[in-house]
Amino acid sequence: MTRLTDLKKQWLKEPGFRAEYERLGPEFELIRELIEARSRAGLTQAQLAERMGTQQAAIARLEGGRVRPSMDTLRRYAKATGSRLHVTLEAGADA
C-alpha cells in the first residue's frame, strides 16, 4: 500500500496539482497553527467550542479548512487557547 507522503510526492510532480497546492499553502499553514494552539492548550474541539461560545462542529469546520475565519473568530480562538494572534504580511517570491 502506498503511503500518503509517497502519493503527495508523486502528485506534486504534476504542474496543476503543484500550483494549486502552493496556492493553498497559507490556508494549510493557518489550519496547522489553529490545531497546534488547541493541542498546546490541551483542549478538545468540544472544550474549545464551549470556551468560544459555539458548537464543536464549527471548530471542526474551521480546523478542516471548510470555512475561512474572520479576524474576530481568530481573536476568539486565540483567546480561548491562551494564545496571541499575530498576523504578518511578508514579501513574496514574486514581490
PDB file of N, CA and C in Angstrom:
ATOM      1  N   MET A   1       0.835  -1.177   0.000  1.00  0.00           N
ATOM      2  CA  MET A   1       0.000   0.000   0.000  1.00  0.00           C
ATOM      3  C   MET A   1       0.884   1.246   0.000  1.00  0.00           C
ATOM      4  N   THR A   2       0.537   2.229  -0.816  1.00  0.00           N
ATOM      5  CA  THR A   2       1.316   3.453  -0.925  1.00  0.00           C
ATOM      6  C   THR A   2       1.006   4.389   0.226  1.00  0.00           C
ATOM      7  N   ARG A   3       2.052   4.907   0.798  1.00  0.00           N
ATOM      8  CA  ARG A   3       1.878   5.843   1.909  1.00  0.00           C
ATOM      9  C   ARG A   3       1.456   7.208   1.385  1.00  0.00           C
ATOM     10  N   LEU A   4       0.775   7.968   2.233  1.00  0.00           N
ATOM     11  CA  LEU A   4       0.295   9.288   1.853  1.00  0.00           C
ATOM     12  C   LEU A   4       1.438  10.199   1.414  1.00  0.00           C
ATOM     13  N   THR A   5       2.565  10.147   2.114  1.00  0.00           N
ATOM     14  CA  THR A   5       3.695  11.003   1.740  1.00  0.00           C
ATOM     15  C   THR A   5       4.216  10.651   0.357  1.00  0.00           C
ATOM     16  N   ASP A   6       4.197   9.354   0.014  1.00  0.00           N
ATOM     17  CA  ASP A   6       4.626   8.932  -1.319  1.00  0.00           C
ATOM     18  C   ASP A   6       3.665   9.449  -2.382  1.00  0.00           C
ATOM     19  N   LEU A   7       2.366   9.381  -2.084  1.00  0.00           N
ATOM     20  CA  LEU A   7       1.371   9.909  -3.014  1.00  0.00           C
ATOM     21  C   LEU A   7       1.542  11.401  -3.215  1.00  0.00           C
ATOM     22  N   LYS A   8       1.780  12.110  -2.118  1.00  0.00           N
ATOM     23  CA  LYS A   8       1.965  13.554  -2.203  1.00  0.00           C
ATOM     24  C   LYS A   8       3.157  13.884  -3.092  1.00  0.00           C
ATOM     25  N   LYS A   9       4.264  13.194  -2.911  1.00  0.00           N
ATOM     26  CA  LYS A   9       5.447  13.423  -3.739  1.00  0.00           C
ATOM     27  C   LYS A   9       5.130  13.184  -5.211  1.00  0.00           C
ATOM     28  N   GLN A  10       4.385  12.139  -5.465  1.00  0.00           N
ATOM     29  CA  GLN A  10       4.010  11.798  -6.838  1.00  0.00           C
ATOM     30  C   GLN A  10       3.100  12.877  -7.425  1.00  0.00           C
ATOM     31  N   TRP A  11       2.104  13.307  -6.668  1.00  0.00           N
ATOM     32  CA  TRP A  11       1.167  14.317  -7.146  1.00  0.00           C
ATOM     33  C   TRP A  11       1.848  15.667  -7.359  1.00  0.00           C
ATOM     34  N   LEU A  12       2.814  16.005  -6.514  1.00  0.00           N
ATOM     35  CA  LEU A  12       3.499  17.292  -6.637  1.00  0.00           C
ATOM     36  C   LEU A  12       4.317  17.397  -7.919  1.00  0.00           C
ATOM     37  N   LYS A  13       4.559  16.280  -8.577  1.00  0.00           N
ATOM     38  CA  LYS A  13       5.257  16.294  -9.869  1.00  0.00           C
ATOM     39  C   LYS A  13       4.356  16.821 -10.981  1.00  0.00           C
ATOM     40  N   GLU A  14       3.050  16.797 -10.738  1.00  0.00           N
ATOM     41  CA  GLU A  14       2.101  17.289 -11.730  1.00  0.00           C
ATOM     42  C   GLU A  14       1.965  18.800 -11.580  1.00  0.00           C
ATOM     43  N   PRO A  15       2.224  19.567 -12.639  1.00  0.00           N
ATOM     44  CA  PRO A  15       2.206  21.033 -12.542  1.00  0.00           C
ATOM     45  C   PRO A  15       0.890  21.614 -12.014  1.00  0.00           C
ATOM     46  N   GLY A  16      -0.245  21.109 -12.443  1.00  0.00           N
ATOM     47  CA  GLY A  16      -1.534  21.630 -11.975  1.00  0.00           C
ATOM     48  C   GLY A  16      -1.739  21.409 -10.495  1.00  0.00           C
ATOM     49  N   PHE A  17      -1.411  20.223 -10.029  1.00  0.00           N
ATOM     50  CA  PHE A  17      -1.549  19.909  -8.609  1.00  0.00           C
ATOM     51  C   PHE A  17      -0.606  20.776  -7.789  1.00  0.00           C
ATOM     52  N   ARG A  18       0.639  20.882  -8.261  1.00  0.00           N
ATOM     53  CA  ARG A  18       1.647  21.654  -7.532  1.00  0.00           C
ATOM     54  C   ARG A  18       1.217  23.117  -7.401  1.00  0.00           C
ATOM     55  N   ALA A  19       0.725  23.707  -8.478  1.00  0.00           N
ATOM     56  CA  ALA A  19       0.307  25.107  -8.453  1.00  0.00           C
ATOM     57  C   ALA A  19      -0.827  25.319  -7.457  1.00  0.00           C
ATOM     58  N   GLU A  20      -1.802  24.430  -7.452  1.00  0.00           N
ATOM     59  CA  GLU A  20      -2.930  24.557  -6.528  1.00  0.00           C
ATOM     60  C   GLU A  20      -2.480  24.327  -5.085  1.00  0.00           C
ATOM     61  N   TYR A  21      -1.602  23.360  -4.873  1.00  0.00           N
ATOM     62  CA  TYR A  21      -1.072  23.072  -3.541  1.00  0.00           C
ATOM     63  C   TYR A  21      -0.330  24.294  -2.996  1.00  0.00           C
ATOM     64  N   GLU A  22       0.484  24.927  -3.829  1.00  0.00           N
ATOM     65  CA  GLU A  22       1.226  26.105  -3.396  1.00  0.00           C
ATOM     66  C   GLU A  22       0.292  27.285  -3.149  1.00  0.00           C
ATOM     67  N   ARG A  23      -0.764  27.407  -3.959  1.00  0.00           N
ATOM     68  CA  ARG A  23      -1.734  28.484  -3.770  1.00  0.00           C
ATOM     69  C   ARG A  23      -2.444  28.351  -2.424  1.00  0.00           C
ATOM     70  N   LEU A  24      -2.713  27.116  -2.021  1.00  0.00           N
ATOM     71  CA  LEU A  24      -3.417  26.866  -0.765  1.00  0.00           C
ATOM     72  C   LEU A  24      -2.481  26.779   0.445  1.00  0.00           C
ATOM     73  N   GLY A  25      -1.201  26.912   0.231  1.00  0.00           N
ATOM     74  CA  GLY A  25      -0.218  26.795   1.304  1.00  0.00           C
ATOM     75  C   GLY A  25      -0.525  27.630   2.534  1.00  0.00           C
ATOM     76  N   PRO A  26      -0.838  28.925   2.381  1.00  0.00           N
ATOM     77  CA  PRO A  26      -1.136  29.743   3.566  1.00  0.00           C
ATOM     78  C   PRO A  26      -2.360  29.244   4.344  1.00  0.00           C
ATOM     79  N   GLU A  27      -3.359  28.713   3.651  1.00  0.00           N
ATOM     80  CA  GLU A  27      -4.535  28.177   4.348  1.00  0.00           C
ATOM     81  C   GLU A  27      -4.161  26.929   5.144  1.00  0.00           C
ATOM     82  N   PHE A  28      -3.332  26.059   4.540  1.00  0.00           N
ATOM     83  CA  PHE A  28      -2.879  24.863   5.252  1.00  0.00           C
ATOM     84  C   PHE A  28      -2.065  25.265   6.482  1.00  0.00           C
ATOM     85  N   GLU A  29      -1.248  26.291   6.336  1.00  0.00           N
ATOM     86  CA  GLU A  29      -0.426  26.753   7.461  1.00  0.00           C
ATOM     87  C   GLU A  29      -1.301  27.281   8.601  1.00  0.00           C
ATOM     88  N   LEU A  30      -2.337  28.034   8.256  1.00  0.00           N
ATOM     89  CA  LEU A  30      -3.254  28.545   9.279  1.00  0.00           C
ATOM     90  C   LEU A  30      -3.941  27.395  10.003  1.00  0.00           C
ATOM     91  N   ILE A  31      -4.387  26.399   9.267  1.00  0.00           N
ATOM     92  CA  ILE A  31      -5.049  25.239   9.877  1.00  0.00           C
ATOM     93  C   ILE A  31      -4.095  24.545  10.846  1.00  0.00           C
ATOM     94  N   ARG A  32      -2.845  24.353  10.421  1.00  0.00           N
ATOM     95  CA  ARG A  32      -1.850  23.725  11.307  1.00  0.00           C
ATOM     96  C   ARG A  32      -1.658  24.543  12.578  1.00  0.00           C
ATOM     97  N   GLU A  33      -1.605  25.871  12.434  1.00  0.00           N
ATOM     98  CA  GLU A  33      -1.431  26.747  13.597  1.00  0.00           C
ATOM     99  C   GLU A  33      -2.619  26.650  14.554  1.00  0.00           C
ATOM    100  N   LEU A  34      -3.825  26.605  14.006  1.00  0.00           N
ATOM    101  CA  LEU A  34      -5.014  26.501  14.851  1.00  0.00           C
ATOM    102  C   LEU A  34      -4.998  25.203  15.652  1.00  0.00           C
ATOM    103  N   ILE A  35      -4.750  24.111  14.968  1.00  0.00           N
ATOM    104  CA  ILE A  35      -4.746  22.804  15.636  1.00  0.00           C
ATOM    105  C   ILE A  35      -3.629  22.743  16.676  1.00  0.00           C
ATOM    106  N   GLU A  36      -2.473  23.302  16.329  1.00  0.00           N
ATOM    107  CA  GLU A  36      -1.354  23.302  17.287  1.00  0.00           C
ATOM    108  C   GLU A  36      -1.690  24.118  18.530  1.00  0.00           C
ATOM    109  N   ALA A  37      -2.342  25.268  18.358  1.00  0.00           N
ATOM    110  CA  ALA A  37      -2.718  26.106  19.503  1.00  0.00           C
ATOM    111  C   ALA A  37      -3.702  25.363  20.410  1.00  0.00           C
ATOM    112  N   ARG A  38      -4.666  24.682  19.807  1.00  0.00           N
ATOM    113  CA  ARG A  38      -5.647  23.932  20.611  1.00  0.00           C
ATOM    114  C   ARG A  38      -4.956  22.788  21.344  1.00  0.00           C
ATOM    115  N   SER A  39      -4.064  22.108  20.650  1.00  0.00           N
ATOM    116  CA  SER A  39      -3.338  20.994  21.259  1.00  0.00           C
ATOM    117  C   SER A  39      -2.452  21.484  22.412  1.00  0.00           C
ATOM    118  N   ARG A  40      -1.767  22.597  22.188  1.00  0.00           N
ATOM    119  CA  ARG A  40      -0.915  23.181  23.229  1.00  0.00           C
ATOM    120  C   ARG A  40      -1.727  23.527  24.473  1.00  0.00           C
ATOM    121  N   ALA A  41      -2.961  23.964  24.257  1.00  0.00           N
ATOM    122  CA  ALA A  41      -3.840  24.320  25.371  1.00  0.00           C
ATOM    123  C   ALA A  41      -4.458  23.090  26.019  1.00  0.00           C
ATOM    124  N   GLY A  42      -4.264  21.927  25.413  1.00  0.00           N
ATOM    125  CA  GLY A  42      -4.805  20.690  25.976  1.00  0.00           C
ATOM    126  C   GLY A  42      -6.323  20.605  25.872  1.00  0.00           C
ATOM    127  N   LEU A  43      -6.879  21.193  24.832  1.00  0.00           N
ATOM    128  CA  LEU A  43      -8.331  21.237  24.686  1.00  0.00           C
ATOM    129  C   LEU A  43      -8.825  20.324  23.564  1.00  0.00           C
ATOM    130  N   THR A  44      -9.983  19.759  23.769  1.00  0.00           N
ATOM    131  CA  THR A  44     -10.669  19.063  22.691  1.00  0.00           C
ATOM    132  C   THR A  44     -11.427  20.118  21.877  1.00  0.00           C
ATOM    133  N   GLN A  45     -11.915  19.716  20.729  1.00  0.00           N
ATOM    134  CA  GLN A  45     -12.733  20.639  19.947  1.00  0.00           C
ATOM    135  C   GLN A  45     -13.970  21.067  20.736  1.00  0.00           C
ATOM    136  N   ALA A  46     -14.570  20.138  21.452  1.00  0.00           N
ATOM    137  CA  ALA A  46     -15.772  20.453  22.239  1.00  0.00           C
ATOM    138  C   ALA A  46     -15.451  21.452  23.349  1.00  0.00           C
ATOM    139  N   GLN A  47     -14.337  21.268  24.021  1.00  0.00           N
ATOM    140  CA  GLN A  47     -13.955  22.197  25.090  1.00  0.00           C
ATOM    141  C   GLN A  47     -13.657  23.588  24.532  1.00  0.00           C
ATOM    142  N   LEU A  48     -12.971  23.619  23.407  1.00  0.00           N
ATOM    143  CA  LEU A  48     -12.676  24.903  22.773  1.00  0.00           C
ATOM    144  C   LEU A  48     -13.964  25.593  22.336  1.00  0.00           C
ATOM    145  N   ALA A  49     -14.872  24.832  21.760  1.00  0.00           N
ATOM    146  CA  ALA A  49     -16.157  25.389  21.322  1.00  0.00           C
ATOM    147  C   ALA A  49     -16.901  26.010  22.498  1.00  0.00           C
ATOM    148  N   GLU A  50     -16.886  25.325  23.631  1.00  0.00           N
ATOM    149  CA  GLU A  50     -17.559  25.853  24.818  1.00  0.00           C
ATOM    150  C   GLU A  50     -16.937  27.179  25.243  1.00  0.00           C
ATOM    151  N   ARG A  51     -15.622  27.253  25.234  1.00  0.00           N
ATOM    152  CA  ARG A  51     -14.938  28.495  25.604  1.00  0.00           C
ATOM    153  C   ARG A  51     -15.254  29.635  24.635  1.00  0.00           C
ATOM    154  N   MET A  52     -15.463  29.277  23.366  1.00  0.00           N
ATOM    155  CA  MET A  52     -15.728  30.292  22.343  1.00  0.00           C
ATOM    156  C   MET A  52     -17.214  30.607  22.197  1.00  0.00           C
ATOM    157  N   GLY A  53     -18.053  29.821  22.861  1.00  0.00           N
ATOM    158  CA  GLY A  53     -19.486  30.045  22.751  1.00  0.00           C
ATOM    159  C   GLY A  53     -20.054  29.595  21.425  1.00  0.00           C
ATOM    160  N   THR A  54     -19.536  28.494  20.919  1.00  0.00           N
ATOM    161  CA  THR A  54     -20.001  27.958  19.642  1.00  0.00           C
ATOM    162  C   THR A  54     -20.159  26.450  19.752  1.00  0.00           C
ATOM    163  N   GLN A  55     -20.378  25.793  18.635  1.00  0.00           N
ATOM    164  CA  GLN A  55     -20.562  24.339  18.611  1.00  0.00           C
ATOM    165  C   GLN A  55     -19.274  23.643  18.171  1.00  0.00           C
ATOM    166  N   GLN A  56     -19.100  22.409  18.613  1.00  0.00           N
ATOM    167  CA  GLN A  56     -17.929  21.619  18.213  1.00  0.00           C
ATOM    168  C   GLN A  56     -17.853  21.491  16.702  1.00  0.00           C
ATOM    169  N   ALA A  57     -18.976  21.381  16.028  1.00  0.00           N
ATOM    170  CA  ALA A  57     -18.985  21.248  14.565  1.00  0.00           C
ATOM    171  C   ALA A  57     -18.373  22.482  13.895  1.00  0.00           C
ATOM    172  N   ALA A  58     -18.558  23.655  14.494  1.00  0.00           N
ATOM    173  CA  ALA A  58     -17.973  24.877  13.938  1.00  0.00           C
ATOM    174  C   ALA A  58     -16.452  24.826  14.032  1.00  0.00           C
ATOM    175  N   ILE A  59     -15.939  24.289  15.129  1.00  0.00           N
ATOM    176  CA  ILE A  59     -14.485  24.149  15.298  1.00  0.00           C
ATOM    177  C   ILE A  59     -13.956  23.140  14.288  1.00  0.00           C
ATOM    178  N   ALA A  60     -14.675  22.048  14.095  1.00  0.00           N
ATOM    179  CA  ALA A  60     -14.271  21.027  13.126  1.00  0.00           C
ATOM    180  C   ALA A  60     -14.222  21.614  11.714  1.00  0.00           C
ATOM    181  N   ARG A  61     -15.212  22.424  11.356  1.00  0.00           N
ATOM    182  CA  ARG A  61     -15.210  23.059  10.030  1.00  0.00           C
ATOM    183  C   ARG A  61     -14.029  24.008   9.892  1.00  0.00           C
ATOM    184  N   LEU A  62     -13.753  24.758  10.934  1.00  0.00           N
ATOM    185  CA  LEU A  62     -12.643  25.705  10.927  1.00  0.00           C
ATOM    186  C   LEU A  62     -11.315  24.974  10.776  1.00  0.00           C
ATOM    187  N   GLU A  63     -11.101  23.944  11.597  1.00  0.00           N
ATOM    188  CA  GLU A  63      -9.845  23.203  11.567  1.00  0.00           C
ATOM    189  C   GLU A  63      -9.739  22.301  10.331  1.00  0.00           C
ATOM    190  N   GLY A  64     -10.856  22.025   9.702  1.00  0.00           N
ATOM    191  CA  GLY A  64     -10.844  21.212   8.480  1.00  0.00           C
ATOM    192  C   GLY A  64     -10.679  22.040   7.227  1.00  0.00           C
ATOM    193  N   GLY A  65     -10.637  23.352   7.376  1.00  0.00           N
ATOM    194  CA  GLY A  65     -10.442  24.222   6.239  1.00  0.00           C
ATOM    195  C   GLY A  65     -11.688  24.440   5.397  1.00  0.00           C
ATOM    196  N   ARG A  66     -12.847  24.096   5.930  1.00  0.00           N
ATOM    197  CA  ARG A  66     -14.081  24.239   5.161  1.00  0.00           C
ATOM    198  C   ARG A  66     -14.686  25.630   5.254  1.00  0.00           C
ATOM    199  N   VAL A  67     -14.167  26.448   6.177  1.00  0.00           N
ATOM    200  CA  VAL A  67     -14.621  27.834   6.289  1.00  0.00           C
ATOM    201  C   VAL A  67     -13.398  28.738   6.421  1.00  0.00           C
ATOM    202  N   ARG A  68     -13.562  29.962   5.998  1.00  0.00           N
ATOM    203  CA  ARG A  68     -12.495  30.951   6.155  1.00  0.00           C
ATOM    204  C   ARG A  68     -12.845  31.821   7.357  1.00  0.00           C
ATOM    205  N   PRO A  69     -12.009  31.782   8.376  1.00  0.00           N
ATOM    206  CA  PRO A  69     -12.335  32.517   9.604  1.00  0.00           C
ATOM    207  C   PRO A  69     -12.164  34.023   9.451  1.00  0.00           C
ATOM    208  N   SER A  70     -12.997  34.753  10.144  1.00  0.00           N
ATOM    209  CA  SER A  70     -12.854  36.210  10.214  1.00  0.00           C
ATOM    210  C   SER A  70     -11.773  36.529  11.244  1.00  0.00           C
ATOM    211  N   MET A  71     -11.338  37.773  11.250  1.00  0.00           N
ATOM    212  CA  MET A  71     -10.359  38.195  12.257  1.00  0.00           C
ATOM    213  C   MET A  71     -10.958  38.045  13.650  1.00  0.00           C
ATOM    214  N   ASP A  72     -12.250  38.336  13.790  1.00  0.00           N
ATOM    215  CA  ASP A  72     -12.912  38.201  15.086  1.00  0.00           C
ATOM    216  C   ASP A  72     -12.864  36.744  15.552  1.00  0.00           C
ATOM    217  N   THR A  73     -13.121  35.818  14.657  1.00  0.00           N
ATOM    218  CA  THR A  73     -13.067  34.390  15.015  1.00  0.00           C
ATOM    219  C   THR A  73     -11.658  34.001  15.418  1.00  0.00           C
ATOM    220  N   LEU A  74     -10.662  34.473  14.685  1.00  0.00           N
ATOM    221  CA  LEU A  74      -9.272  34.158  15.028  1.00  0.00           C
ATOM    222  C   LEU A  74      -8.897  34.739  16.391  1.00  0.00           C
ATOM    223  N   ARG A  75      -9.382  35.937  16.694  1.00  0.00           N
ATOM    224  CA  ARG A  75      -9.117  36.535  18.013  1.00  0.00           C
ATOM    225  C   ARG A  75      -9.742  35.694  19.121  1.00  0.00           C
ATOM    226  N   ARG A  76     -10.992  35.279  18.920  1.00  0.00           N
ATOM    227  CA  ARG A  76     -11.682  34.464  19.924  1.00  0.00           C
ATOM    228  C   ARG A  76     -10.983  33.117  20.089  1.00  0.00           C
ATOM    229  N   TYR A  77     -10.550  32.522  18.989  1.00  0.00           N
ATOM    230  CA  TYR A  77      -9.840  31.239  19.027  1.00  0.00           C
ATOM    231  C   TYR A  77      -8.547  31.402  19.824  1.00  0.00           C
ATOM    232  N   ALA A  78      -7.804  32.469  19.520  1.00  0.00           N
ATOM    233  CA  ALA A  78      -6.543  32.720  20.231  1.00  0.00           C
ATOM    234  C   ALA A  78      -6.782  32.895  21.729  1.00  0.00           C
ATOM    235  N   LYS A  79      -7.765  33.710  22.073  1.00  0.00           N
ATOM    236  CA  LYS A  79      -8.063  33.945  23.488  1.00  0.00           C
ATOM    237  C   LYS A  79      -8.452  32.647  24.191  1.00  0.00           C
ATOM    238  N   ALA A  80      -9.292  31.842  23.546  1.00  0.00           N
ATOM    239  CA  ALA A  80      -9.767  30.591  24.140  1.00  0.00           C
ATOM    240  C   ALA A  80      -8.651  29.571  24.321  1.00  0.00           C
ATOM    241  N   THR A  81      -7.583  29.676  23.519  1.00  0.00           N
ATOM    242  CA  THR A  81      -6.464  28.739  23.639  1.00  0.00           C
ATOM    243  C   THR A  81      -5.292  29.331  24.412  1.00  0.00           C
ATOM    244  N   GLY A  82      -5.475  30.555  24.915  1.00  0.00           N
ATOM    245  CA  GLY A  82      -4.389  31.196  25.652  1.00  0.00           C
ATOM    246  C   GLY A  82      -3.245  31.601  24.749  1.00  0.00           C
ATOM    247  N   SER A  83      -3.555  31.871  23.491  1.00  0.00           N
ATOM    248  CA  SER A  83      -2.548  32.246  22.502  1.00  0.00           C
ATOM    249  C   SER A  83      -2.653  33.727  22.180  1.00  0.00           C
ATOM    250  N   ARG A  84      -1.674  34.213  21.456  1.00  0.00           N
ATOM    251  CA  ARG A  84      -1.672  35.600  20.990  1.00  0.00           C
ATOM    252  C   ARG A  84      -1.752  35.561  19.474  1.00  0.00           C
ATOM    253  N   LEU A  85      -2.704  36.273  18.902  1.00  0.00           N
ATOM    254  CA  LEU A  85      -2.858  36.348  17.455  1.00  0.00           C
ATOM    255  C   LEU A  85      -1.857  37.342  16.902  1.00  0.00           C
ATOM    256  N   HIS A  86      -1.109  36.908  15.899  1.00  0.00           N
ATOM    257  CA  HIS A  86      -0.104  37.751  15.267  1.00  0.00           C
ATOM    258  C   HIS A  86      -0.202  37.538  13.756  1.00  0.00           C
ATOM    259  N   VAL A  87      -0.541  38.578  13.026  1.00  0.00           N
ATOM    260  CA  VAL A  87      -0.694  38.486  11.577  1.00  0.00           C
ATOM    261  C   VAL A  87       0.420  39.295  10.931  1.00  0.00           C
ATOM    262  N   THR A  88       1.078  38.721   9.937  1.00  0.00           N
ATOM    263  CA  THR A  88       2.139  39.434   9.228  1.00  0.00           C
ATOM    264  C   THR A  88       1.935  39.297   7.732  1.00  0.00           C
ATOM    265  N   LEU A  89       2.438  40.253   7.009  1.00  0.00           N
ATOM    266  CA  LEU A  89       2.495  40.196   5.560  1.00  0.00           C
ATOM    267  C   LEU A  89       3.972  40.212   5.198  1.00  0.00           C
ATOM    268  N   GLU A  90       4.400  39.207   4.462  1.00  0.00           N
ATOM    269  CA  GLU A  90       5.803  39.091   4.107  1.00  0.00           C
ATOM    270  C   GLU A  90       5.964  39.263   2.606  1.00  0.00           C
ATOM    271  N   ALA A  91       7.117  39.753   2.208  1.00  0.00           N
ATOM    272  CA  ALA A  91       7.407  39.863   0.791  1.00  0.00           C
ATOM    273  C   ALA A  91       7.445  38.461   0.200  1.00  0.00           C
ATOM    274  N   GLY A  92       6.767  38.313  -0.916  1.00  0.00           N
ATOM    275  CA  GLY A  92       6.737  37.005  -1.561  1.00  0.00           C
ATOM    276  C   GLY A  92       7.809  36.885  -2.627  1.00  0.00           C
ATOM    277  N   ALA A  93       7.910  35.707  -3.177  1.00  0.00           N
ATOM    278  CA  ALA A  93       8.910  35.442  -4.213  1.00  0.00           C
ATOM    279  C   ALA A  93       8.656  36.294  -5.453  1.00  0.00           C
ATOM    280  N   ASP A  94       7.392  36.644  -5.707  1.00  0.00           N
ATOM    281  CA  ASP A  94       7.060  37.422  -6.891  1.00  0.00           C
ATOM    282  C   ASP A  94       6.957  38.911  -6.597  1.00  0.00           C
ATOM    283  N   ALA A  95       7.310  39.327  -5.365  1.00  0.00           N
ATOM    284  CA  ALA A  95       7.219  40.754  -4.993  1.00  0.00           C
ATOM    285  C   ALA A  95       8.406  41.527  -5.481  1.00  0.00           C
TER     286      ALA A  95
END
